[in-house]
């Protein structure tokens, strides 16, 4: 865990960071489920024909999530 240098972050900044981390964990969870289903050979491929492993790969290549605008 990295130490922060400087003044402590505000409660709002911490809430925004936690929200970003929660969305990233949710994305990783979906990607892991898709990869597991691809390895197991379960029928989770999308109706448009995109294999589950490709869906997981695409999810992980998305740009980093920005904090949600609280307004």
C-alpha atoms as a PDB file:
ATOM      1  CA  UNK A   1       0.000   0.000   0.000  1.00  0.00           C
ATOM      2  CA  UNK A   2       1.413   3.377  -0.986  1.00  0.00           C
ATOM      3  CA  UNK A   3       1.777   6.111   1.584  1.00  0.00           C
ATOM      4  CA  UNK A   4       0.300   9.462   0.763  1.00  0.00           C
ATOM      5  CA  UNK A   5       2.537  12.490   0.973  1.00  0.00           C
ATOM      6  CA  UNK A   6       0.962  15.742   1.993  1.00  0.00           C
ATOM      7  CA  UNK A   7      -2.268  16.627   3.753  1.00  0.00           C
ATOM      8  CA  UNK A   8      -4.873  13.946   4.376  1.00  0.00           C
ATOM      9  CA  UNK A   9      -7.448  13.574   1.638  1.00  0.00           C
ATOM     10  CA  UNK A  10     -10.925  14.859   2.322  1.00  0.00           C
ATOM     11  CA  UNK A  11     -13.809  12.519   3.064  1.00  0.00           C
ATOM     12  CA  UNK A  12     -15.275  13.281  -0.367  1.00  0.00           C
ATOM     13  CA  UNK A  13     -12.011  12.392  -2.103  1.00  0.00           C
ATOM     14  CA  UNK A  14     -11.855   9.114  -0.204  1.00  0.00           C
ATOM     15  CA  UNK A  15     -15.489   8.321  -1.076  1.00  0.00           C
ATOM     16  CA  UNK A  16     -14.765   8.966  -4.751  1.00  0.00           C
ATOM     17  CA  UNK A  17     -11.676   6.744  -4.662  1.00  0.00           C
ATOM     18  CA  UNK A  18     -13.618   3.938  -2.975  1.00  0.00           C
ATOM     19  CA  UNK A  19     -16.360   4.259  -5.608  1.00  0.00           C
ATOM     20  CA  UNK A  20     -13.773   3.930  -8.406  1.00  0.00           C
ATOM     21  CA  UNK A  21     -12.218   0.889  -6.731  1.00  0.00           C
ATOM     22  CA  UNK A  22     -15.653  -0.719  -6.289  1.00  0.00           C
ATOM     23  CA  UNK A  23     -16.389  -0.307 -10.015  1.00  0.00           C
ATOM     24  CA  UNK A  24     -12.976  -1.745 -10.900  1.00  0.00           C
ATOM     25  CA  UNK A  25     -13.584  -4.766  -8.641  1.00  0.00           C
ATOM     26  CA  UNK A  26     -16.993  -5.287 -10.243  1.00  0.00           C
ATOM     27  CA  UNK A  27     -15.387  -5.231 -13.703  1.00  0.00           C
ATOM     28  CA  UNK A  28     -12.706  -7.704 -12.637  1.00  0.00           C
ATOM     29  CA  UNK A  29     -15.390  -9.962 -11.153  1.00  0.00           C
ATOM     30  CA  UNK A  30     -17.311 -10.026 -14.431  1.00  0.00           C
ATOM     31  CA  UNK A  31     -14.110 -10.672 -16.395  1.00  0.00           C
ATOM     32  CA  UNK A  32     -13.129 -13.536 -14.068  1.00  0.00           C
ATOM     33  CA  UNK A  33     -16.612 -15.076 -14.380  1.00  0.00           C
ATOM     34  CA  UNK A  34     -16.449 -14.852 -18.169  1.00  0.00           C
ATOM     35  CA  UNK A  35     -12.980 -16.420 -18.270  1.00  0.00           C
ATOM     36  CA  UNK A  36     -14.059 -19.203 -15.904  1.00  0.00           C
ATOM     37  CA  UNK A  37     -17.094 -19.947 -18.042  1.00  0.00           C
ATOM     38  CA  UNK A  38     -14.909 -20.039 -21.158  1.00  0.00           C
ATOM     39  CA  UNK A  39     -12.567 -22.538 -19.494  1.00  0.00           C
ATOM     40  CA  UNK A  40     -15.468 -24.675 -18.275  1.00  0.00           C
ATOM     41  CA  UNK A  41     -17.146 -24.617 -21.654  1.00  0.00           C
ATOM     42  CA  UNK A  42     -20.437 -23.305 -20.258  1.00  0.00           C
ATOM     43  CA  UNK A  43     -22.820 -21.558 -22.647  1.00  0.00           C
ATOM     44  CA  UNK A  44     -22.289 -17.951 -21.545  1.00  0.00           C
ATOM     45  CA  UNK A  45     -21.311 -16.717 -24.988  1.00  0.00           C
ATOM     46  CA  UNK A  46     -23.335 -13.697 -25.991  1.00  0.00           C
ATOM     47  CA  UNK A  47     -26.073 -14.020 -28.618  1.00  0.00           C
ATOM     48  CA  UNK A  48     -24.058 -11.918 -31.072  1.00  0.00           C
ATOM     49  CA  UNK A  49     -21.447 -14.679 -31.208  1.00  0.00           C
ATOM     50  CA  UNK A  50     -18.701 -12.976 -29.189  1.00  0.00           C
ATOM     51  CA  UNK A  51     -16.923 -15.650 -27.125  1.00  0.00           C
ATOM     52  CA  UNK A  52     -16.807 -15.194 -23.350  1.00  0.00           C
ATOM     53  CA  UNK A  53     -12.994 -14.981 -23.316  1.00  0.00           C
ATOM     54  CA  UNK A  54     -13.061 -12.125 -25.850  1.00  0.00           C
ATOM     55  CA  UNK A  55     -15.688 -10.307 -23.769  1.00  0.00           C
ATOM     56  CA  UNK A  56     -13.454 -10.596 -20.689  1.00  0.00           C
ATOM     57  CA  UNK A  57     -10.438  -9.375 -22.649  1.00  0.00           C
ATOM     58  CA  UNK A  58     -12.403  -6.389 -23.949  1.00  0.00           C
ATOM     59  CA  UNK A  59     -13.578  -5.517 -20.436  1.00  0.00           C
ATOM     60  CA  UNK A  60     -10.038  -5.498 -19.125  1.00  0.00           C
ATOM     61  CA  UNK A  61      -8.818  -3.284 -21.996  1.00  0.00           C
ATOM     62  CA  UNK A  62     -11.313  -0.517 -21.241  1.00  0.00           C
ATOM     63  CA  UNK A  63      -9.758   2.752 -20.053  1.00  0.00           C
ATOM     64  CA  UNK A  64      -9.542   3.244 -16.274  1.00  0.00           C
ATOM     65  CA  UNK A  65     -12.777   4.346 -14.693  1.00  0.00           C
ATOM     66  CA  UNK A  66     -12.992   7.991 -13.709  1.00  0.00           C
ATOM     67  CA  UNK A  67     -14.644   9.066 -10.476  1.00  0.00           C
ATOM     68  CA  UNK A  68     -18.376   9.531 -10.772  1.00  0.00           C
ATOM     69  CA  UNK A  69     -19.513  13.140 -10.875  1.00  0.00           C
ATOM     70  CA  UNK A  70     -21.298  13.701  -7.528  1.00  0.00           C
ATOM     71  CA  UNK A  71     -23.550  16.397  -9.048  1.00  0.00           C
END
